[in-house]
Amino acid sequence: MAAEESPLAEMSFMTVAEVAEVMRVSKMTVYRLVHSGELPAVRVGRSFRVPAKAVHEYLRDSYHGTA
């Protein structure tokens, strides 16, 4: 396990609906990000769970400040 990875017990996961709410986008947009590989996710049955840390990293890396 890499040093920056959290133990599985310490990870928190979000549903697609929760991610969409946080990002203020549609659920379809979240599904597109997951399927394109831009946002990592774990498949649980027929649904996806996205690590909360991955959502925060995606938003941080996508942030464009104004000058």
PDB file of N, CA and C in Angstrom:
ATOM      1  N   MET A   1       0.849  -1.179   0.000  1.00  0.00           N
ATOM      2  CA  MET A   1       0.000   0.000   0.000  1.00  0.00           C
ATOM      3  C   MET A   1       0.896   1.244   0.000  1.00  0.00           C
ATOM      4  N   ALA A   2       0.553   2.229  -0.842  1.00  0.00           N
ATOM      5  CA  ALA A   2       1.329   3.455  -0.919  1.00  0.00           C
ATOM      6  C   ALA A   2       1.123   4.279   0.346  1.00  0.00           C
ATOM      7  N   ALA A   3       2.109   5.109   0.648  1.00  0.00           N
ATOM      8  CA  ALA A   3       2.068   5.893   1.887  1.00  0.00           C
ATOM      9  C   ALA A   3       0.880   6.846   1.931  1.00  0.00           C
ATOM     10  N   GLU A   4       0.445   7.388   0.757  1.00  0.00           N
ATOM     11  CA  GLU A   4      -0.625   8.379   0.764  1.00  0.00           C
ATOM     12  C   GLU A   4      -2.012   7.748   0.792  1.00  0.00           C
ATOM     13  N   GLU A   5      -2.114   6.423   0.639  1.00  0.00           N
ATOM     14  CA  GLU A   5      -3.408   5.757   0.661  1.00  0.00           C
ATOM     15  C   GLU A   5      -3.867   5.532   2.092  1.00  0.00           C
ATOM     16  N   SER A   6      -5.169   5.699   2.307  1.00  0.00           N
ATOM     17  CA  SER A   6      -5.740   5.463   3.624  1.00  0.00           C
ATOM     18  C   SER A   6      -6.140   4.003   3.741  1.00  0.00           C
ATOM     19  N   PRO A   7      -6.083   3.454   4.951  1.00  0.00           N
ATOM     20  CA  PRO A   7      -6.616   2.108   5.137  1.00  0.00           C
ATOM     21  C   PRO A   7      -8.102   2.103   4.779  1.00  0.00           C
ATOM     22  N   LEU A   8      -8.580   1.001   4.257  1.00  0.00           N
ATOM     23  CA  LEU A   8      -9.967   0.920   3.799  1.00  0.00           C
ATOM     24  C   LEU A   8     -10.959   1.305   4.884  1.00  0.00           C
ATOM     25  N   ALA A   9     -10.675   0.972   6.121  1.00  0.00           N
ATOM     26  CA  ALA A   9     -11.584   1.291   7.225  1.00  0.00           C
ATOM     27  C   ALA A   9     -11.727   2.796   7.433  1.00  0.00           C
ATOM     28  N   GLU A  10     -10.724   3.566   7.014  1.00  0.00           N
ATOM     29  CA  GLU A  10     -10.760   5.013   7.211  1.00  0.00           C
ATOM     30  C   GLU A  10     -11.346   5.752   6.018  1.00  0.00           C
ATOM     31  N   MET A  11     -11.594   5.040   4.918  1.00  0.00           N
ATOM     32  CA  MET A  11     -12.122   5.695   3.721  1.00  0.00           C
ATOM     33  C   MET A  11     -13.620   5.904   3.847  1.00  0.00           C
ATOM     34  N   SER A  12     -14.090   7.035   3.331  1.00  0.00           N
ATOM     35  CA  SER A  12     -15.530   7.250   3.280  1.00  0.00           C
ATOM     36  C   SER A  12     -15.932   7.349   1.818  1.00  0.00           C
ATOM     37  N   PHE A  13     -17.085   6.803   1.514  1.00  0.00           N
ATOM     38  CA  PHE A  13     -17.570   6.762   0.145  1.00  0.00           C
ATOM     39  C   PHE A  13     -18.845   7.564   0.002  1.00  0.00           C
ATOM     40  N   MET A  14     -19.057   8.070  -1.195  1.00  0.00           N
ATOM     41  CA  MET A  14     -20.249   8.866  -1.496  1.00  0.00           C
ATOM     42  C   MET A  14     -21.015   8.198  -2.636  1.00  0.00           C
ATOM     43  N   THR A  15     -22.329   8.349  -2.624  1.00  0.00           N
ATOM     44  CA  THR A  15     -23.131   7.860  -3.738  1.00  0.00           C
ATOM     45  C   THR A  15     -23.009   8.845  -4.899  1.00  0.00           C
ATOM     46  N   VAL A  16     -23.443   8.411  -6.063  1.00  0.00           N
ATOM     47  CA  VAL A  16     -23.421   9.292  -7.235  1.00  0.00           C
ATOM     48  C   VAL A  16     -24.285  10.525  -6.967  1.00  0.00           C
ATOM     49  N   ALA A  17     -25.419  10.341  -6.326  1.00  0.00           N
ATOM     50  CA  ALA A  17     -26.301  11.473  -6.017  1.00  0.00           C
ATOM     51  C   ALA A  17     -25.621  12.470  -5.084  1.00  0.00           C
ATOM     52  N   GLU A  18     -24.902  11.962  -4.084  1.00  0.00           N
ATOM     53  CA  GLU A  18     -24.195  12.846  -3.148  1.00  0.00           C
ATOM     54  C   GLU A  18     -23.081  13.615  -3.861  1.00  0.00           C
ATOM     55  N   VAL A  19     -22.352  12.929  -4.744  1.00  0.00           N
ATOM     56  CA  VAL A  19     -21.287  13.600  -5.503  1.00  0.00           C
ATOM     57  C   VAL A  19     -21.890  14.695  -6.377  1.00  0.00           C
ATOM     58  N   ALA A  20     -23.000  14.384  -7.046  1.00  0.00           N
ATOM     59  CA  ALA A  20     -23.657  15.366  -7.906  1.00  0.00           C
ATOM     60  C   ALA A  20     -24.088  16.592  -7.111  1.00  0.00           C
ATOM     61  N   GLU A  21     -24.578  16.367  -5.897  1.00  0.00           N
ATOM     62  CA  GLU A  21     -25.017  17.475  -5.052  1.00  0.00           C
ATOM     63  C   GLU A  21     -23.832  18.349  -4.642  1.00  0.00           C
ATOM     64  N   VAL A  22     -22.739  17.726  -4.235  1.00  0.00           N
ATOM     65  CA  VAL A  22     -21.552  18.471  -3.809  1.00  0.00           C
ATOM     66  C   VAL A  22     -20.969  19.277  -4.983  1.00  0.00           C
ATOM     67  N   MET A  23     -20.919  18.634  -6.152  1.00  0.00           N
ATOM     68  CA  MET A  23     -20.330  19.281  -7.324  1.00  0.00           C
ATOM     69  C   MET A  23     -21.314  20.201  -8.046  1.00  0.00           C
ATOM     70  N   ARG A  24     -22.593  20.122  -7.658  1.00  0.00           N
ATOM     71  CA  ARG A  24     -23.662  20.904  -8.286  1.00  0.00           C
ATOM     72  C   ARG A  24     -23.745  20.630  -9.789  1.00  0.00           C
ATOM     73  N   VAL A  25     -23.752  19.330 -10.110  1.00  0.00           N
ATOM     74  CA  VAL A  25     -23.925  18.864 -11.481  1.00  0.00           C
ATOM     75  C   VAL A  25     -24.974  17.754 -11.459  1.00  0.00           C
ATOM     76  N   SER A  26     -25.348  17.268 -12.639  1.00  0.00           N
ATOM     77  CA  SER A  26     -26.326  16.185 -12.703  1.00  0.00           C
ATOM     78  C   SER A  26     -25.658  14.851 -12.394  1.00  0.00           C
ATOM     79  N   LYS A  27     -26.484  13.873 -12.047  1.00  0.00           N
ATOM     80  CA  LYS A  27     -25.960  12.527 -11.812  1.00  0.00           C
ATOM     81  C   LYS A  27     -25.324  11.981 -13.095  1.00  0.00           C
ATOM     82  N   MET A  28     -25.884  12.319 -14.249  1.00  0.00           N
ATOM     83  CA  MET A  28     -25.324  11.848 -15.513  1.00  0.00           C
ATOM     84  C   MET A  28     -23.905  12.363 -15.707  1.00  0.00           C
ATOM     85  N   THR A  29     -23.632  13.581 -15.300  1.00  0.00           N
ATOM     86  CA  THR A  29     -22.275  14.129 -15.390  1.00  0.00           C
ATOM     87  C   THR A  29     -21.313  13.322 -14.530  1.00  0.00           C
ATOM     88  N   VAL A  30     -21.757  12.941 -13.342  1.00  0.00           N
ATOM     89  CA  VAL A  30     -20.918  12.131 -12.459  1.00  0.00           C
ATOM     90  C   VAL A  30     -20.665  10.767 -13.102  1.00  0.00           C
ATOM     91  N   TYR A  31     -21.706  10.158 -13.662  1.00  0.00           N
ATOM     92  CA  TYR A  31     -21.522   8.870 -14.344  1.00  0.00           C
ATOM     93  C   TYR A  31     -20.525   9.000 -15.491  1.00  0.00           C
ATOM     94  N   ARG A  32     -20.579  10.089 -16.229  1.00  0.00           N
ATOM     95  CA  ARG A  32     -19.631  10.301 -17.325  1.00  0.00           C
ATOM     96  C   ARG A  32     -18.202  10.401 -16.797  1.00  0.00           C
ATOM     97  N   LEU A  33     -18.011  11.114 -15.694  1.00  0.00           N
ATOM     98  CA  LEU A  33     -16.679  11.239 -15.094  1.00  0.00           C
ATOM     99  C   LEU A  33     -16.162   9.887 -14.625  1.00  0.00           C
ATOM    100  N   VAL A  34     -17.046   9.073 -14.068  1.00  0.00           N
ATOM    101  CA  VAL A  34     -16.653   7.743 -13.594  1.00  0.00           C
ATOM    102  C   VAL A  34     -16.285   6.853 -14.780  1.00  0.00           C
ATOM    103  N   HIS A  35     -17.141   6.834 -15.800  1.00  0.00           N
ATOM    104  CA  HIS A  35     -16.899   5.955 -16.950  1.00  0.00           C
ATOM    105  C   HIS A  35     -15.684   6.381 -17.763  1.00  0.00           C
ATOM    106  N   SER A  36     -15.359   7.674 -17.770  1.00  0.00           N
ATOM    107  CA  SER A  36     -14.185   8.148 -18.508  1.00  0.00           C
ATOM    108  C   SER A  36     -12.892   7.923 -17.726  1.00  0.00           C
ATOM    109  N   GLY A  37     -13.023   7.598 -16.439  1.00  0.00           N
ATOM    110  CA  GLY A  37     -11.847   7.370 -15.612  1.00  0.00           C
ATOM    111  C   GLY A  37     -11.331   8.619 -14.922  1.00  0.00           C
ATOM    112  N   GLU A  38     -12.002   9.753 -15.125  1.00  0.00           N
ATOM    113  CA  GLU A  38     -11.572  10.993 -14.483  1.00  0.00           C
ATOM    114  C   GLU A  38     -11.844  10.983 -12.979  1.00  0.00           C
ATOM    115  N   LEU A  39     -12.849  10.214 -12.575  1.00  0.00           N
ATOM    116  CA  LEU A  39     -13.224  10.123 -11.169  1.00  0.00           C
ATOM    117  C   LEU A  39     -13.265   8.639 -10.801  1.00  0.00           C
ATOM    118  N   PRO A  40     -12.392   8.198  -9.895  1.00  0.00           N
ATOM    119  CA  PRO A  40     -12.379   6.774  -9.542  1.00  0.00           C
ATOM    120  C   PRO A  40     -13.628   6.390  -8.757  1.00  0.00           C
ATOM    121  N   ALA A  41     -14.054   5.151  -8.928  1.00  0.00           N
ATOM    122  CA  ALA A  41     -15.244   4.673  -8.223  1.00  0.00           C
ATOM    123  C   ALA A  41     -15.147   3.171  -8.041  1.00  0.00           C
ATOM    124  N   VAL A  42     -15.908   2.683  -7.077  1.00  0.00           N
ATOM    125  CA  VAL A  42     -16.010   1.259  -6.798  1.00  0.00           C
ATOM    126  C   VAL A  42     -17.431   0.844  -7.153  1.00  0.00           C
ATOM    127  N   ARG A  43     -17.551  -0.237  -7.885  1.00  0.00           N
ATOM    128  CA  ARG A  43     -18.879  -0.728  -8.232  1.00  0.00           C
ATOM    129  C   ARG A  43     -19.375  -1.634  -7.111  1.00  0.00           C
ATOM    130  N   VAL A  44     -20.568  -1.344  -6.615  1.00  0.00           N
ATOM    131  CA  VAL A  44     -21.203  -2.136  -5.564  1.00  0.00           C
ATOM    132  C   VAL A  44     -22.554  -2.578  -6.122  1.00  0.00           C
ATOM    133  N   GLY A  45     -22.616  -3.834  -6.527  1.00  0.00           N
ATOM    134  CA  GLY A  45     -23.847  -4.304  -7.169  1.00  0.00           C
ATOM    135  C   GLY A  45     -24.033  -3.567  -8.484  1.00  0.00           C
ATOM    136  N   ARG A  46     -25.152  -2.880  -8.613  1.00  0.00           N
ATOM    137  CA  ARG A  46     -25.429  -2.126  -9.836  1.00  0.00           C
ATOM    138  C   ARG A  46     -25.138  -0.637  -9.684  1.00  0.00           C
ATOM    139  N   SER A  47     -24.615  -0.227  -8.540  1.00  0.00           N
ATOM    140  CA  SER A  47     -24.351   1.193  -8.314  1.00  0.00           C
ATOM    141  C   SER A  47     -22.868   1.443  -8.082  1.00  0.00           C
ATOM    142  N   PHE A  48     -22.514   2.699  -8.049  1.00  0.00           N
ATOM    143  CA  PHE A  48     -21.128   3.104  -7.830  1.00  0.00           C
ATOM    144  C   PHE A  48     -21.005   3.839  -6.514  1.00  0.00           C
ATOM    145  N   ARG A  49     -19.834   3.711  -5.896  1.00  0.00           N
ATOM    146  CA  ARG A  49     -19.480   4.513  -4.724  1.00  0.00           C
ATOM    147  C   ARG A  49     -18.163   5.188  -5.039  1.00  0.00           C
ATOM    148  N   VAL A  50     -18.098   6.478  -4.769  1.00  0.00           N
ATOM    149  CA  VAL A  50     -16.927   7.283  -5.089  1.00  0.00           C
ATOM    150  C   VAL A  50     -16.247   7.684  -3.783  1.00  0.00           C
ATOM    151  N   PRO A  51     -14.940   7.450  -3.661  1.00  0.00           N
ATOM    152  CA  PRO A  51     -14.245   7.887  -2.445  1.00  0.00           C
ATOM    153  C   PRO A  51     -14.364   9.410  -2.277  1.00  0.00           C
ATOM    154  N   ALA A  52     -14.745   9.845  -1.095  1.00  0.00           N
ATOM    155  CA  ALA A  52     -14.908  11.287  -0.837  1.00  0.00           C
ATOM    156  C   ALA A  52     -13.606  12.034  -1.129  1.00  0.00           C
ATOM    157  N   LYS A  53     -12.481  11.418  -0.785  1.00  0.00           N
ATOM    158  CA  LYS A  53     -11.182  12.055  -1.031  1.00  0.00           C
ATOM    159  C   LYS A  53     -10.969  12.306  -2.526  1.00  0.00           C
ATOM    160  N   ALA A  54     -11.430  11.378  -3.367  1.00  0.00           N
ATOM    161  CA  ALA A  54     -11.273  11.537  -4.812  1.00  0.00           C
ATOM    162  C   ALA A  54     -12.100  12.710  -5.333  1.00  0.00           C
ATOM    163  N   VAL A  55     -13.276  12.915  -4.753  1.00  0.00           N
ATOM    164  CA  VAL A  55     -14.120  14.049  -5.162  1.00  0.00           C
ATOM    165  C   VAL A  55     -13.427  15.358  -4.814  1.00  0.00           C
ATOM    166  N   HIS A  56     -12.897  15.446  -3.605  1.00  0.00           N
ATOM    167  CA  HIS A  56     -12.230  16.673  -3.169  1.00  0.00           C
ATOM    168  C   HIS A  56     -10.967  16.929  -3.997  1.00  0.00           C
ATOM    169  N   GLU A  57     -10.222  15.876  -4.317  1.00  0.00           N
ATOM    170  CA  GLU A  57      -9.023  16.028  -5.151  1.00  0.00           C
ATOM    171  C   GLU A  57      -9.395  16.471  -6.563  1.00  0.00           C
ATOM    172  N   TYR A  58     -10.462  15.894  -7.114  1.00  0.00           N
ATOM    173  CA  TYR A  58     -10.904  16.268  -8.457  1.00  0.00           C
ATOM    174  C   TYR A  58     -11.274  17.748  -8.498  1.00  0.00           C
ATOM    175  N   LEU A  59     -12.034  18.198  -7.498  1.00  0.00           N
ATOM    176  CA  LEU A  59     -12.439  19.605  -7.458  1.00  0.00           C
ATOM    177  C   LEU A  59     -11.226  20.515  -7.266  1.00  0.00           C
ATOM    178  N   ARG A  60     -10.306  20.118  -6.406  1.00  0.00           N
ATOM    179  CA  ARG A  60      -9.106  20.933  -6.175  1.00  0.00           C
ATOM    180  C   ARG A  60      -8.276  21.042  -7.451  1.00  0.00           C
ATOM    181  N   ASP A  61      -8.083  19.916  -8.135  1.00  0.00           N
ATOM    182  CA  ASP A  61      -7.273  19.901  -9.344  1.00  0.00           C
ATOM    183  C   ASP A  61      -7.955  20.615 -10.516  1.00  0.00           C
ATOM    184  N   SER A  62      -9.278  20.700 -10.479  1.00  0.00           N
ATOM    185  CA  SER A  62     -10.022  21.330 -11.567  1.00  0.00           C
ATOM    186  C   SER A  62     -10.256  22.818 -11.334  1.00  0.00           C
ATOM    187  N   TYR A  63      -9.904  23.300 -10.160  1.00  0.00           N
ATOM    188  CA  TYR A  63     -10.162  24.693  -9.809  1.00  0.00           C
ATOM    189  C   TYR A  63      -9.359  25.649 -10.673  1.00  0.00           C
ATOM    190  N   HIS A  64     -10.046  26.663 -11.205  1.00  0.00           N
ATOM    191  CA  HIS A  64      -9.383  27.716 -11.981  1.00  0.00           C
ATOM    192  C   HIS A  64      -9.673  29.034 -11.289  1.00  0.00           C
ATOM    193  N   GLY A  65      -8.663  29.608 -10.667  1.00  0.00           N
ATOM    194  CA  GLY A  65      -8.827  30.877  -9.972  1.00  0.00           C
ATOM    195  C   GLY A  65      -8.903  32.036 -10.970  1.00  0.00           C
ATOM    196  N   THR A  66      -9.442  33.140 -10.512  1.00  0.00           N
ATOM    197  CA  THR A  66      -9.509  34.319 -11.363  1.00  0.00           C
ATOM    198  C   THR A  66      -8.353  35.243 -11.011  1.00  0.00           C
ATOM    199  N   ALA A  67      -7.890  35.948 -11.992  1.00  0.00           N
ATOM    200  CA  ALA A  67      -6.738  36.818 -11.797  1.00  0.00           C
ATOM    201  C   ALA A  67      -7.107  38.137 -11.199  1.00  0.00           C
TER     202      ALA A  67
END
